[in-house]
């Protein structure tokens, strides 16, 4: 996957839908006005690239920092979606892991959990990301 080899910028935000059966890992993220706005939303593991950092390096680093998952298979690139902050681009991947998420950043998140891809709460951060994930999972498992 060429996208994993790209050198990122602070506008590129790789994220991954980590799957097991028809469930993905989602986390309840609590933003503050200094980071975006005062809002709590469900999201996937991932984060913002450091300038010049490879997309794969960012993705793996963020997954470990947020969930503690170190054994991660990155299986597919699903596409690029506009981020919720103007100018941001989400590089969306899908993968698998046998590990379960842990709460490692309680100042940012209140929980991580496995959730059925068709039962994601309405306050998911990015509807475009969710639609791509749902289409992939539902079409891959029919």
Protein backbone atom coordinates (compact mmCIF):
# COMPACT_ATOMS: atom_id res chain seq x y z
CA UNK A 1 0.00 0.00 0.00
CA UNK A 2 1.68 3.12 -1.26
CA UNK A 3 -0.19 5.42 1.15
CA UNK A 4 1.64 3.86 4.12
CA UNK A 5 4.99 4.91 2.61
CA UNK A 6 4.04 8.56 2.08
CA UNK A 7 5.71 11.23 4.18
CA UNK A 8 3.01 13.04 6.10
CA UNK A 9 2.29 16.62 7.07
CA UNK A 10 0.35 18.01 10.00
CA UNK A 11 -2.77 18.01 7.77
CA UNK A 12 -2.68 14.23 7.18
CA UNK A 13 -4.48 12.16 9.80
CA UNK A 14 -4.26 8.40 9.30
CA UNK A 15 -6.90 6.33 11.08
CA UNK A 16 -7.67 2.62 11.17
CA UNK A 17 -10.76 0.51 11.62
CA UNK A 18 -9.41 -2.45 13.59
CA UNK A 19 -11.79 -5.32 12.92
CA UNK A 20 -12.76 -8.57 14.53
CA UNK A 21 -15.82 -10.30 13.06
CA UNK A 22 -18.16 -7.40 12.19
CA UNK A 23 -16.94 -5.31 15.11
CA UNK A 24 -14.46 -2.43 15.13
CA UNK A 25 -12.65 -0.64 17.93
CA UNK A 26 -14.04 2.81 18.73
CA UNK A 27 -13.08 5.26 21.44
CA UNK A 28 -15.03 8.05 23.13
CA UNK A 29 -12.83 11.14 22.66
CA UNK A 30 -13.36 14.31 24.68
CA UNK A 31 -12.11 17.39 22.85
CA UNK A 32 -11.54 20.76 24.44
CA UNK A 33 -11.75 24.20 22.79
CA UNK A 34 -7.93 24.47 22.59
CA UNK A 35 -7.77 21.23 20.51
CA UNK A 36 -10.92 21.71 18.41
CA UNK A 37 -14.14 22.46 20.32
CA UNK A 38 -15.88 21.26 23.47
CA UNK A 39 -17.40 18.00 22.24
CA UNK A 40 -17.38 14.27 22.98
CA UNK A 41 -17.43 11.98 19.94
CA UNK A 42 -16.71 8.37 19.05
CA UNK A 43 -13.68 7.88 16.84
CA UNK A 44 -11.23 5.33 15.46
CA UNK A 45 -7.62 4.99 16.59
CA UNK A 46 -5.33 7.31 14.68
CA UNK A 47 -3.89 10.77 14.70
CA UNK A 48 -2.00 13.56 13.07
CA UNK A 49 1.30 13.05 11.25
CA UNK A 50 4.40 14.91 12.30
CA UNK A 51 5.89 16.72 9.30
CA UNK A 52 8.00 14.24 7.32
CA UNK A 53 6.85 11.20 9.33
CA UNK A 54 5.79 8.19 7.27
CA UNK A 55 2.04 7.56 7.37
CA UNK A 56 2.58 3.99 8.62
CA UNK A 57 4.83 5.22 11.43
CA UNK A 58 2.18 7.74 12.53
CA UNK A 59 -0.60 5.16 12.38
CA UNK A 60 1.26 2.54 14.41
CA UNK A 61 2.49 5.14 16.94
CA UNK A 62 -0.98 6.56 17.48
CA UNK A 63 -2.61 3.13 17.83
CA UNK A 64 -0.06 2.16 20.51
CA UNK A 65 -0.36 5.50 22.34
CA UNK A 66 -4.15 5.44 22.36
CA UNK A 67 -5.00 1.73 22.75
CA UNK A 68 -1.81 -0.13 23.66
CA UNK A 69 -2.25 -2.39 20.61
CA UNK A 70 1.19 -3.38 19.33
CA UNK A 71 0.26 -6.34 17.12
CA UNK A 72 -1.56 -4.66 14.25
CA UNK A 73 -2.12 -5.93 10.73
CA UNK A 74 -2.84 -3.12 8.25
CA UNK A 75 -4.76 -4.90 5.51
CA UNK A 76 -6.36 -2.33 3.19
CA UNK A 77 -6.46 1.35 2.31
CA UNK A 78 -10.11 2.43 2.08
CA UNK A 79 -9.64 6.00 0.87
CA UNK A 80 -9.10 9.65 1.70
CA UNK A 81 -11.85 11.62 3.42
CA UNK A 82 -12.00 15.28 4.41
CA UNK A 83 -11.27 15.66 8.10
CA UNK A 84 -13.59 17.45 10.50
CA UNK A 85 -11.09 20.30 10.82
CA UNK A 86 -10.88 22.35 7.63
CA UNK A 87 -7.90 21.34 5.51
CA UNK A 88 -7.33 18.00 7.24
CA UNK A 89 -7.36 14.76 5.24
CA UNK A 90 -8.06 11.38 6.85
CA UNK A 91 -6.21 8.43 5.30
CA UNK A 92 -8.47 5.55 6.25
CA UNK A 93 -7.15 2.01 6.63
CA UNK A 94 -8.67 -1.24 7.83
CA UNK A 95 -6.84 -3.97 9.71
CA UNK A 96 -7.02 -6.61 12.39
CA UNK A 97 -5.58 -7.40 15.79
CA UNK A 98 -6.10 -10.14 18.34
CA UNK A 99 -5.31 -7.67 21.13
CA UNK A 100 -7.96 -5.74 23.04
CA UNK A 101 -7.74 -1.97 23.51
CA UNK A 102 -6.72 -0.41 26.83
CA UNK A 103 -7.45 3.09 28.10
CA UNK A 104 -4.01 4.75 28.04
CA UNK A 105 -4.94 8.42 27.64
CA UNK A 106 -7.76 9.05 30.16
CA UNK A 107 -7.25 12.79 29.73
CA UNK A 108 -8.47 12.42 26.11
CA UNK A 109 -10.64 9.29 26.07
CA UNK A 110 -13.08 7.75 28.54
CA UNK A 111 -13.29 4.31 26.90
CA UNK A 112 -12.34 2.06 24.02
CA UNK A 113 -14.61 -0.81 23.00
CA UNK A 114 -15.46 -3.29 20.28
CA UNK A 115 -18.71 -2.26 18.61
CA UNK A 116 -20.80 -3.77 15.83
CA UNK A 117 -20.05 -1.73 12.71
CA UNK A 118 -23.78 -1.25 12.11
CA UNK A 119 -24.45 -0.04 15.66
CA UNK A 120 -21.99 2.83 15.92
CA UNK A 121 -23.38 5.69 18.06
CA UNK A 122 -24.77 8.72 16.22
CA UNK A 123 -22.09 11.01 17.66
CA UNK A 124 -19.33 9.43 15.55
CA UNK A 125 -16.77 12.09 14.62
CA UNK A 126 -16.83 11.74 10.83
CA UNK A 127 -19.83 10.32 8.94
CA UNK A 128 -17.75 9.93 5.75
CA UNK A 129 -15.25 7.70 7.55
CA UNK A 130 -18.03 5.63 9.09
CA UNK A 131 -19.76 5.13 5.73
CA UNK A 132 -16.55 3.84 4.10
CA UNK A 133 -15.93 1.44 6.99
CA UNK A 134 -19.51 0.16 7.01
CA UNK A 135 -19.51 -0.37 3.24
CA UNK A 136 -16.22 -2.27 3.42
CA UNK A 137 -17.24 -4.48 6.36
CA UNK A 138 -20.74 -5.22 5.09
CA UNK A 139 -19.52 -6.03 1.56
CA UNK A 140 -16.58 -8.12 2.80
CA UNK A 141 -18.77 -10.28 5.02
CA UNK A 142 -21.79 -10.96 2.81
